[in-house]
């Protein structure tokens, strides 16, 4: 297998992951199932906006616990 390239952390492989994304003045939760090559499987979901980083991180944590 070739070296993995992309913007997702190498630890994000083979399962569903949630992270926090800041776009403009708003915060979002991004969710994606990442395969072994680091590619999104079936698309990426963007939830939000949330009023601040703490609220987005709390939601990302809740989504991760719900799995």
Protein backbone atom coordinates (compact mmCIF):
# COMPACT_ATOMS: atom_id res chain seq x y z
CA UNK A 1 0.00 0.00 0.00
CA UNK A 2 1.28 3.48 -0.88
CA UNK A 3 1.86 6.25 1.62
CA UNK A 4 -1.36 7.82 2.81
CA UNK A 5 -2.01 11.42 1.80
CA UNK A 6 -4.80 13.79 2.77
CA UNK A 7 -5.94 16.05 5.57
CA UNK A 8 -7.38 13.46 7.95
CA UNK A 9 -5.19 12.38 10.88
CA UNK A 10 -3.59 8.95 10.41
CA UNK A 11 -5.42 7.77 13.55
CA UNK A 12 -8.74 8.32 11.72
CA UNK A 13 -8.99 4.99 9.91
CA UNK A 14 -11.47 2.17 9.62
CA UNK A 15 -14.35 3.63 11.61
CA UNK A 16 -16.70 6.58 12.15
CA UNK A 17 -15.03 9.73 13.48
CA UNK A 18 -16.24 13.14 14.64
CA UNK A 19 -14.28 16.38 14.73
CA UNK A 20 -14.80 20.10 15.11
CA UNK A 21 -14.44 22.50 12.19
CA UNK A 22 -14.31 26.31 12.24
CA UNK A 23 -15.66 27.98 9.10
CA UNK A 24 -15.89 31.73 9.06
CA UNK A 25 -17.30 32.78 12.40
CA UNK A 26 -19.15 29.52 13.07
CA UNK A 27 -18.35 26.08 14.51
CA UNK A 28 -19.48 22.76 13.03
CA UNK A 29 -19.18 19.06 13.78
CA UNK A 30 -17.88 16.99 10.88
CA UNK A 31 -18.51 13.23 10.88
CA UNK A 32 -17.09 10.70 8.46
CA UNK A 33 -16.42 7.01 8.15
CA UNK A 34 -12.78 6.71 7.12
CA UNK A 35 -11.41 3.62 5.37
CA UNK A 36 -7.94 2.12 5.77
CA UNK A 37 -6.56 4.44 3.07
CA UNK A 38 -7.86 7.53 4.88
CA UNK A 39 -10.70 8.22 2.46
CA UNK A 40 -14.25 9.08 3.43
CA UNK A 41 -16.69 6.24 2.78
CA UNK A 42 -20.21 7.29 1.82
CA UNK A 43 -19.63 11.01 2.23
CA UNK A 44 -19.07 13.40 5.08
CA UNK A 45 -21.73 14.90 7.35
CA UNK A 46 -21.59 18.49 8.61
CA UNK A 47 -23.80 19.44 11.59
CA UNK A 48 -24.26 22.88 13.02
CA UNK A 49 -23.59 25.67 13.29
CA UNK A 50 -22.85 25.80 17.01
CA UNK A 51 -22.38 29.06 18.92
CA UNK A 52 -18.81 28.31 20.02
CA UNK A 53 -16.05 25.71 20.00
CA UNK A 54 -17.05 24.24 23.37
CA UNK A 55 -20.61 23.57 22.18
CA UNK A 56 -19.35 21.91 18.98
CA UNK A 57 -16.86 19.76 20.94
CA UNK A 58 -19.62 18.71 23.36
CA UNK A 59 -21.81 17.62 20.44
CA UNK A 60 -18.91 15.72 18.82
CA UNK A 61 -18.40 13.91 22.14
CA UNK A 62 -22.08 12.99 22.36
CA UNK A 63 -22.02 11.64 18.81
CA UNK A 64 -18.95 9.55 19.60
CA UNK A 65 -20.58 8.09 22.71
CA UNK A 66 -23.76 7.19 20.78
CA UNK A 67 -21.89 4.70 18.58
